[in-house]
N, C-alpha and C. Protein backbone atom coordinates (compact mmCIF):
# COMPACT_ATOMS: atom_id res chain seq x y z
N MET A 1 103.17 73.72 138.66
CA MET A 1 103.89 75.03 138.52
C MET A 1 103.99 75.29 137.03
N LEU A 2 104.24 74.24 136.32
CA LEU A 2 104.52 74.56 134.84
C LEU A 2 103.25 74.92 134.19
N PHE A 3 101.94 74.27 134.70
CA PHE A 3 100.66 74.60 134.21
C PHE A 3 100.46 76.28 134.45
N VAL A 4 100.60 76.62 135.65
CA VAL A 4 100.47 77.87 135.88
C VAL A 4 101.17 78.88 134.98
N LEU A 5 102.47 78.62 134.59
CA LEU A 5 103.20 79.37 133.59
C LEU A 5 102.69 79.24 132.26
N TYR A 6 102.21 78.10 131.88
CA TYR A 6 101.58 78.02 130.36
C TYR A 6 100.26 78.83 130.46
N LEU A 7 99.48 78.74 131.63
CA LEU A 7 98.23 79.43 131.48
C LEU A 7 98.48 81.01 131.49
N ILE A 8 99.47 81.52 132.40
CA ILE A 8 99.82 82.83 132.39
C ILE A 8 100.24 83.36 130.86
N LEU A 9 101.05 82.63 130.24
CA LEU A 9 101.65 82.97 128.99
C LEU A 9 100.56 82.83 127.96
N LEU A 10 99.75 81.95 127.96
CA LEU A 10 98.63 81.79 127.03
C LEU A 10 97.58 82.88 127.19
N ILE A 11 97.11 83.04 128.28
CA ILE A 11 96.21 84.31 128.50
C ILE A 11 96.79 85.49 128.27
N GLY A 12 97.95 85.86 128.66
CA GLY A 12 98.62 86.97 128.52
C GLY A 12 98.88 87.33 127.14
N GLY A 13 99.19 86.24 126.30
CA GLY A 13 99.50 86.46 124.98
C GLY A 13 98.22 86.85 124.17
N MET A 14 97.06 86.08 124.53
CA MET A 14 95.71 86.46 124.01
C MET A 14 95.29 87.88 124.20
N VAL A 15 95.49 88.38 125.52
CA VAL A 15 95.27 89.62 125.79
C VAL A 15 95.99 90.65 124.93
N LEU A 16 97.22 90.22 124.91
CA LEU A 16 98.15 91.19 124.00
C LEU A 16 97.67 91.26 122.70
N LEU A 17 97.32 90.15 122.06
CA LEU A 17 96.96 90.14 120.63
C LEU A 17 95.70 90.95 120.55
N GLY A 18 94.66 90.80 121.43
CA GLY A 18 93.52 91.50 121.30
C GLY A 18 93.69 92.97 121.62
N LEU A 19 94.59 93.44 122.50
CA LEU A 19 94.71 94.81 122.72
C LEU A 19 95.58 95.56 121.73
N SER A 20 96.24 94.74 120.93
CA SER A 20 97.38 95.33 119.97
C SER A 20 96.78 96.12 118.90
N PHE A 21 95.27 95.89 118.68
CA PHE A 21 94.69 96.93 117.69
C PHE A 21 94.40 98.34 118.19
N SER A 22 94.33 98.47 119.54
CA SER A 22 94.03 99.65 120.12
C SER A 22 95.08 100.44 120.80
N LEU A 23 96.29 99.82 120.86
CA LEU A 23 97.38 100.40 121.56
C LEU A 23 98.42 101.24 120.60
N PRO A 24 99.15 102.23 121.03
CA PRO A 24 99.99 103.00 120.17
C PRO A 24 100.95 102.28 119.31
N LEU A 25 101.45 101.28 119.71
CA LEU A 25 102.50 100.36 118.77
C LEU A 25 101.77 99.00 118.61
N PRO A 26 100.94 99.00 117.55
CA PRO A 26 100.19 97.65 117.36
C PRO A 26 101.02 96.50 116.85
N ALA A 27 102.11 96.88 116.07
CA ALA A 27 102.89 95.83 115.52
C ALA A 27 103.71 95.19 116.52
N LEU A 28 104.36 95.92 117.46
CA LEU A 28 105.15 95.36 118.50
C LEU A 28 104.30 94.48 119.35
N MET A 29 103.29 95.11 119.80
CA MET A 29 102.20 94.29 120.91
C MET A 29 101.82 93.12 120.15
N PHE A 30 101.50 93.09 118.91
CA PHE A 30 101.04 91.86 118.18
C PHE A 30 102.10 90.76 118.27
N VAL A 31 103.38 91.21 117.81
CA VAL A 31 104.37 90.22 117.88
C VAL A 31 104.65 89.64 119.28
N LEU A 32 104.70 90.54 120.35
CA LEU A 32 104.96 90.07 121.62
C LEU A 32 103.77 89.25 122.10
N GLY A 33 102.53 89.55 121.85
CA GLY A 33 101.56 88.52 122.02
C GLY A 33 101.68 87.23 121.38
N LEU A 34 102.11 87.18 120.00
CA LEU A 34 102.19 85.99 119.35
C LEU A 34 103.50 85.08 119.85
N LEU A 35 104.46 85.88 120.24
CA LEU A 35 105.58 85.23 120.94
C LEU A 35 105.13 84.46 122.26
N CYS A 36 104.32 85.22 123.09
CA CYS A 36 103.91 84.54 124.35
C CYS A 36 103.06 83.39 124.01
N VAL A 37 102.20 83.47 123.00
CA VAL A 37 101.29 82.37 122.60
C VAL A 37 102.02 81.03 122.20
N VAL A 38 103.21 81.36 121.39
CA VAL A 38 104.05 80.37 121.01
C VAL A 38 104.79 79.75 122.08
N ALA A 39 105.40 80.59 122.78
CA ALA A 39 106.09 79.95 124.18
C ALA A 39 105.04 79.07 125.00
N ALA A 40 103.81 79.55 125.09
CA ALA A 40 102.87 78.70 125.92
C ALA A 40 102.52 77.31 125.22
N VAL A 41 102.67 77.25 123.97
CA VAL A 41 102.47 75.97 123.44
C VAL A 41 103.74 75.16 123.43
N ALA A 42 104.98 75.89 123.29
CA ALA A 42 106.32 75.13 123.24
C ALA A 42 106.76 74.68 124.51
N ILE A 43 106.45 75.25 125.60
CA ILE A 43 106.82 74.94 126.92
C ILE A 43 106.35 73.37 127.37
N PRO A 44 105.13 73.07 127.16
CA PRO A 44 104.59 71.66 127.50
C PRO A 44 105.20 70.74 126.55
N VAL A 45 105.40 70.97 125.34
CA VAL A 45 105.90 70.12 124.31
C VAL A 45 107.30 69.74 124.71
N THR A 46 108.19 70.78 124.95
CA THR A 46 109.44 70.67 125.22
C THR A 46 109.71 69.89 126.65
N ALA A 47 108.90 70.26 127.58
CA ALA A 47 108.95 69.59 128.97
C ALA A 47 108.71 68.00 128.66
N GLY A 48 107.62 67.75 128.03
CA GLY A 48 107.23 66.34 127.67
C GLY A 48 108.34 65.48 127.03
N ALA A 49 108.82 66.31 126.07
CA ALA A 49 110.03 65.57 125.38
C ALA A 49 111.29 65.33 126.35
N PHE A 50 111.57 66.34 127.02
CA PHE A 50 112.87 66.15 128.02
C PHE A 50 112.47 65.09 129.09
N GLU A 51 111.20 65.04 129.43
CA GLU A 51 110.94 64.05 130.54
C GLU A 51 110.97 62.55 129.94
N GLN A 52 110.66 62.33 128.67
CA GLN A 52 110.64 61.22 128.00
C GLN A 52 111.99 60.71 127.69
N ARG A 53 113.10 61.46 127.62
CA ARG A 53 114.47 61.12 127.45
C ARG A 53 114.96 60.52 128.67
N ARG A 54 114.52 61.03 129.87
CA ARG A 54 115.16 60.34 131.15
C ARG A 54 114.98 59.05 131.21
């Protein structure tokens, strides 16, 4: 389940980054895409650290 969320965030963020250059609000879309990619990388790292603490 977590892998699906990671994959959706990563692909969605990459799409937003790519489309940001042709959309009306490029800066906002770029930042949203960047935040999606960062969240996609942070979720597995955080989940792994949380699981090791148990």
